[in-house]
Amino acid sequence: MRHWLMKTEPSTFSVDDLAAARGQTTGWDGVRNFQARNMLRDEMRRGDQAFLYYSS
């Protein structure tokens, strides 16, 4: 199991949005950094844990 640090802005995606999502899971789109996008696509697996924090 891997651990991931995820960053978002509360106005874009909030914990309330995640709680309201079906199965409390969602896709992550709008990733601008190609290295981050590739890691999400190629290395993140079901069962991995993520820590979500907000930046402003």
PDB file of N, CA and C in Angstrom:
ATOM      1  N   MET A   1       0.850  -1.168   0.000  1.00  0.00           N
ATOM      2  CA  MET A   1       0.000   0.000   0.000  1.00  0.00           C
ATOM      3  C   MET A   1       0.901   1.237   0.000  1.00  0.00           C
ATOM      4  N   ARG A   2       0.534   2.189  -0.845  1.00  0.00           N
ATOM      5  CA  ARG A   2       1.244   3.464  -0.895  1.00  0.00           C
ATOM      6  C   ARG A   2       0.408   4.545  -0.245  1.00  0.00           C
ATOM      7  N   HIS A   3       1.080   5.615   0.100  1.00  0.00           N
ATOM      8  CA  HIS A   3       0.419   6.787   0.672  1.00  0.00           C
ATOM      9  C   HIS A   3       0.677   7.960  -0.262  1.00  0.00           C
ATOM     10  N   TRP A   4      -0.364   8.735  -0.517  1.00  0.00           N
ATOM     11  CA  TRP A   4      -0.282   9.851  -1.455  1.00  0.00           C
ATOM     12  C   TRP A   4      -0.708  11.135  -0.774  1.00  0.00           C
ATOM     13  N   LEU A   5      -0.048  12.226  -1.127  1.00  0.00           N
ATOM     14  CA  LEU A   5      -0.407  13.550  -0.653  1.00  0.00           C
ATOM     15  C   LEU A   5      -1.074  14.276  -1.817  1.00  0.00           C
ATOM     16  N   MET A   6      -2.345  14.628  -1.644  1.00  0.00           N
ATOM     17  CA  MET A   6      -3.123  15.272  -2.700  1.00  0.00           C
ATOM     18  C   MET A   6      -3.438  16.700  -2.272  1.00  0.00           C
ATOM     19  N   LYS A   7      -3.290  17.637  -3.192  1.00  0.00           N
ATOM     20  CA  LYS A   7      -3.535  19.049  -2.891  1.00  0.00           C
ATOM     21  C   LYS A   7      -4.643  19.567  -3.799  1.00  0.00           C
ATOM     22  N   THR A   8      -5.535  20.356  -3.231  1.00  0.00           N
ATOM     23  CA  THR A   8      -6.606  20.963  -4.005  1.00  0.00           C
ATOM     24  C   THR A   8      -6.996  22.292  -3.372  1.00  0.00           C
ATOM     25  N   GLU A   9      -7.753  23.052  -4.087  1.00  0.00           N
ATOM     26  CA  GLU A   9      -8.314  24.284  -3.541  1.00  0.00           C
ATOM     27  C   GLU A   9      -9.760  23.998  -3.160  1.00  0.00           C
ATOM     28  N   PRO A  10     -10.208  24.458  -1.994  1.00  0.00           N
ATOM     29  CA  PRO A  10     -11.558  24.128  -1.530  1.00  0.00           C
ATOM     30  C   PRO A  10     -12.652  24.601  -2.480  1.00  0.00           C
ATOM     31  N   SER A  11     -12.382  25.647  -3.231  1.00  0.00           N
ATOM     32  CA  SER A  11     -13.398  26.126  -4.177  1.00  0.00           C
ATOM     33  C   SER A  11     -13.494  25.227  -5.404  1.00  0.00           C
ATOM     34  N   THR A  12     -12.457  24.427  -5.655  1.00  0.00           N
ATOM     35  CA  THR A  12     -12.442  23.524  -6.802  1.00  0.00           C
ATOM     36  C   THR A  12     -12.973  22.144  -6.430  1.00  0.00           C
ATOM     37  N   PHE A  13     -12.509  21.598  -5.312  1.00  0.00           N
ATOM     38  CA  PHE A  13     -12.937  20.273  -4.852  1.00  0.00           C
ATOM     39  C   PHE A  13     -12.777  20.230  -3.344  1.00  0.00           C
ATOM     40  N   SER A  14     -13.862  20.002  -2.641  1.00  0.00           N
ATOM     41  CA  SER A  14     -13.819  20.022  -1.175  1.00  0.00           C
ATOM     42  C   SER A  14     -14.077  18.636  -0.591  1.00  0.00           C
ATOM     43  N   VAL A  15     -13.850  18.520   0.696  1.00  0.00           N
ATOM     44  CA  VAL A  15     -14.154  17.272   1.398  1.00  0.00           C
ATOM     45  C   VAL A  15     -15.645  16.978   1.296  1.00  0.00           C
ATOM     46  N   ASP A  16     -16.468  18.007   1.314  1.00  0.00           N
ATOM     47  CA  ASP A  16     -17.912  17.813   1.150  1.00  0.00           C
ATOM     48  C   ASP A  16     -18.226  17.218  -0.219  1.00  0.00           C
ATOM     49  N   ASP A  17     -17.503  17.647  -1.252  1.00  0.00           N
ATOM     50  CA  ASP A  17     -17.684  17.065  -2.584  1.00  0.00           C
ATOM     51  C   ASP A  17     -17.332  15.582  -2.567  1.00  0.00           C
ATOM     52  N   LEU A  18     -16.236  15.236  -1.901  1.00  0.00           N
ATOM     53  CA  LEU A  18     -15.829  13.836  -1.814  1.00  0.00           C
ATOM     54  C   LEU A  18     -16.854  13.018  -1.041  1.00  0.00           C
ATOM     55  N   ALA A  19     -17.350  13.554   0.069  1.00  0.00           N
ATOM     56  CA  ALA A  19     -18.348  12.842   0.873  1.00  0.00           C
ATOM     57  C   ALA A  19     -19.629  12.611   0.085  1.00  0.00           C
ATOM     58  N   ALA A  20     -19.968  13.541  -0.803  1.00  0.00           N
ATOM     59  CA  ALA A  20     -21.194  13.421  -1.592  1.00  0.00           C
ATOM     60  C   ALA A  20     -21.022  12.526  -2.815  1.00  0.00           C
ATOM     61  N   ALA A  21     -19.786  12.206  -3.173  1.00  0.00           N
ATOM     62  CA  ALA A  21     -19.531  11.389  -4.364  1.00  0.00           C
ATOM     63  C   ALA A  21     -19.982   9.954  -4.126  1.00  0.00           C
ATOM     64  N   ARG A  22     -20.431   9.325  -5.174  1.00  0.00           N
ATOM     65  CA  ARG A  22     -20.883   7.935  -5.093  1.00  0.00           C
ATOM     66  C   ARG A  22     -19.734   7.050  -4.608  1.00  0.00           C
ATOM     67  N   GLY A  23     -19.953   6.335  -3.539  1.00  0.00           N
ATOM     68  CA  GLY A  23     -18.927   5.465  -2.968  1.00  0.00           C
ATOM     69  C   GLY A  23     -17.763   6.228  -2.359  1.00  0.00           C
ATOM     70  N   GLN A  24     -17.927   7.512  -2.202  1.00  0.00           N
ATOM     71  CA  GLN A  24     -16.891   8.410  -1.683  1.00  0.00           C
ATOM     72  C   GLN A  24     -15.583   8.268  -2.459  1.00  0.00           C
ATOM     73  N   THR A  25     -15.725   8.066  -3.769  1.00  0.00           N
ATOM     74  CA  THR A  25     -14.582   8.047  -4.679  1.00  0.00           C
ATOM     75  C   THR A  25     -14.915   8.931  -5.868  1.00  0.00           C
ATOM     76  N   THR A  26     -13.889   9.400  -6.530  1.00  0.00           N
ATOM     77  CA  THR A  26     -14.106  10.257  -7.693  1.00  0.00           C
ATOM     78  C   THR A  26     -12.869  10.259  -8.572  1.00  0.00           C
ATOM     79  N   GLY A  27     -13.050  10.672  -9.797  1.00  0.00           N
ATOM     80  CA  GLY A  27     -11.912  10.873 -10.694  1.00  0.00           C
ATOM     81  C   GLY A  27     -11.236  12.192 -10.374  1.00  0.00           C
ATOM     82  N   TRP A  28     -10.000  12.316 -10.740  1.00  0.00           N
ATOM     83  CA  TRP A  28      -9.255  13.547 -10.497  1.00  0.00           C
ATOM     84  C   TRP A  28      -8.843  14.091 -11.856  1.00  0.00           C
ATOM     85  N   ASP A  29      -9.531  15.137 -12.293  1.00  0.00           N
ATOM     86  CA  ASP A  29      -9.196  15.720 -13.597  1.00  0.00           C
ATOM     87  C   ASP A  29      -8.632  17.124 -13.406  1.00  0.00           C
ATOM     88  N   GLY A  30      -8.114  17.682 -14.454  1.00  0.00           N
ATOM     89  CA  GLY A  30      -7.554  19.025 -14.376  1.00  0.00           C
ATOM     90  C   GLY A  30      -6.141  19.074 -13.825  1.00  0.00           C
ATOM     91  N   VAL A  31      -5.448  17.946 -13.808  1.00  0.00           N
ATOM     92  CA  VAL A  31      -4.063  17.928 -13.335  1.00  0.00           C
ATOM     93  C   VAL A  31      -3.193  18.530 -14.436  1.00  0.00           C
ATOM     94  N   ARG A  32      -2.520  19.630 -14.136  1.00  0.00           N
ATOM     95  CA  ARG A  32      -1.747  20.338 -15.157  1.00  0.00           C
ATOM     96  C   ARG A  32      -0.324  19.821 -15.285  1.00  0.00           C
ATOM     97  N   ASN A  33       0.245  19.322 -14.219  1.00  0.00           N
ATOM     98  CA  ASN A  33       1.622  18.844 -14.247  1.00  0.00           C
ATOM     99  C   ASN A  33       1.654  17.438 -14.829  1.00  0.00           C
ATOM    100  N   PHE A  34       2.411  17.246 -15.916  1.00  0.00           N
ATOM    101  CA  PHE A  34       2.384  15.950 -16.588  1.00  0.00           C
ATOM    102  C   PHE A  34       2.967  14.839 -15.727  1.00  0.00           C
ATOM    103  N   GLN A  35       3.957  15.135 -14.889  1.00  0.00           N
ATOM    104  CA  GLN A  35       4.523  14.104 -14.024  1.00  0.00           C
ATOM    105  C   GLN A  35       3.505  13.651 -12.980  1.00  0.00           C
ATOM    106  N   ALA A  36       2.782  14.595 -12.409  1.00  0.00           N
ATOM    107  CA  ALA A  36       1.742  14.251 -11.434  1.00  0.00           C
ATOM    108  C   ALA A  36       0.635  13.451 -12.104  1.00  0.00           C
ATOM    109  N   ARG A  37       0.227  13.871 -13.298  1.00  0.00           N
ATOM    110  CA  ARG A  37      -0.811  13.147 -14.033  1.00  0.00           C
ATOM    111  C   ARG A  37      -0.383  11.710 -14.290  1.00  0.00           C
ATOM    112  N   ASN A  38       0.860  11.512 -14.706  1.00  0.00           N
ATOM    113  CA  ASN A  38       1.350  10.167 -14.998  1.00  0.00           C
ATOM    114  C   ASN A  38       1.405   9.305 -13.742  1.00  0.00           C
ATOM    115  N   MET A  39       1.781   9.891 -12.609  1.00  0.00           N
ATOM    116  CA  MET A  39       1.811   9.113 -11.367  1.00  0.00           C
ATOM    117  C   MET A  39       0.405   8.692 -10.961  1.00  0.00           C
ATOM    118  N   LEU A  40      -0.552   9.610 -11.090  1.00  0.00           N
ATOM    119  CA  LEU A  40      -1.941   9.259 -10.773  1.00  0.00           C
ATOM    120  C   LEU A  40      -2.427   8.137 -11.678  1.00  0.00           C
ATOM    121  N   ARG A  41      -2.120   8.241 -12.933  1.00  0.00           N
ATOM    122  CA  ARG A  41      -2.603   7.276 -13.921  1.00  0.00           C
ATOM    123  C   ARG A  41      -1.901   5.929 -13.798  1.00  0.00           C
ATOM    124  N   ASP A  42      -0.582   5.947 -13.603  1.00  0.00           N
ATOM    125  CA  ASP A  42       0.207   4.723 -13.711  1.00  0.00           C
ATOM    126  C   ASP A  42       0.544   4.055 -12.381  1.00  0.00           C
ATOM    127  N   GLU A  43       0.575   4.815 -11.299  1.00  0.00           N
ATOM    128  CA  GLU A  43       1.086   4.257 -10.051  1.00  0.00           C
ATOM    129  C   GLU A  43       0.068   4.171  -8.925  1.00  0.00           C
ATOM    130  N   MET A  44      -0.948   5.011  -8.931  1.00  0.00           N
ATOM    131  CA  MET A  44      -1.942   4.974  -7.859  1.00  0.00           C
ATOM    132  C   MET A  44      -2.862   3.771  -8.064  1.00  0.00           C
ATOM    133  N   ARG A  45      -3.072   3.020  -7.007  1.00  0.00           N
ATOM    134  CA  ARG A  45      -3.867   1.795  -7.091  1.00  0.00           C
ATOM    135  C   ARG A  45      -4.976   1.791  -6.050  1.00  0.00           C
ATOM    136  N   ARG A  46      -5.984   1.006  -6.328  1.00  0.00           N
ATOM    137  CA  ARG A  46      -7.063   0.799  -5.367  1.00  0.00           C
ATOM    138  C   ARG A  46      -6.461   0.260  -4.072  1.00  0.00           C
ATOM    139  N   GLY A  47      -6.886   0.830  -2.964  1.00  0.00           N
ATOM    140  CA  GLY A  47      -6.373   0.426  -1.662  1.00  0.00           C
ATOM    141  C   GLY A  47      -5.283   1.342  -1.139  1.00  0.00           C
ATOM    142  N   ASP A  48      -4.676   2.149  -2.019  1.00  0.00           N
ATOM    143  CA  ASP A  48      -3.711   3.145  -1.557  1.00  0.00           C
ATOM    144  C   ASP A  48      -4.441   4.187  -0.724  1.00  0.00           C
ATOM    145  N   GLN A  49      -3.726   4.821   0.167  1.00  0.00           N
ATOM    146  CA  GLN A  49      -4.330   5.853   0.999  1.00  0.00           C
ATOM    147  C   GLN A  49      -3.857   7.226   0.538  1.00  0.00           C
ATOM    148  N   ALA A  50      -4.757   8.193   0.631  1.00  0.00           N
ATOM    149  CA  ALA A  50      -4.425   9.558   0.226  1.00  0.00           C
ATOM    150  C   ALA A  50      -4.770  10.525   1.349  1.00  0.00           C
ATOM    151  N   PHE A  51      -3.903  11.486   1.544  1.00  0.00           N
ATOM    152  CA  PHE A  51      -4.135  12.580   2.478  1.00  0.00           C
ATOM    153  C   PHE A  51      -4.421  13.814   1.641  1.00  0.00           C
ATOM    154  N   LEU A  52      -5.575  14.419   1.846  1.00  0.00           N
ATOM    155  CA  LEU A  52      -6.017  15.568   1.059  1.00  0.00           C
ATOM    156  C   LEU A  52      -5.830  16.844   1.867  1.00  0.00           C
ATOM    157  N   TYR A  53      -5.137  17.818   1.272  1.00  0.00           N
ATOM    158  CA  TYR A  53      -5.028  19.100   1.964  1.00  0.00           C
ATOM    159  C   TYR A  53      -5.364  20.232   1.015  1.00  0.00           C
ATOM    160  N   TYR A  54      -5.785  21.340   1.598  1.00  0.00           N
ATOM    161  CA  TYR A  54      -6.199  22.514   0.835  1.00  0.00           C
ATOM    162  C   TYR A  54      -5.080  23.531   0.754  1.00  0.00           C
ATOM    163  N   SER A  55      -4.977  24.155  -0.387  1.00  0.00           N
ATOM    164  CA  SER A  55      -4.104  25.318  -0.530  1.00  0.00           C
ATOM    165  C   SER A  55      -4.963  26.469  -1.025  1.00  0.00           C
ATOM    166  N   SER A  56      -4.493  27.653  -0.835  1.00  0.00           N
ATOM    167  CA  SER A  56      -5.278  28.790  -1.320  1.00  0.00           C
ATOM    168  C   SER A  56      -4.406  29.767  -2.072  1.00  0.00           C
TER     169      SER A  56
END
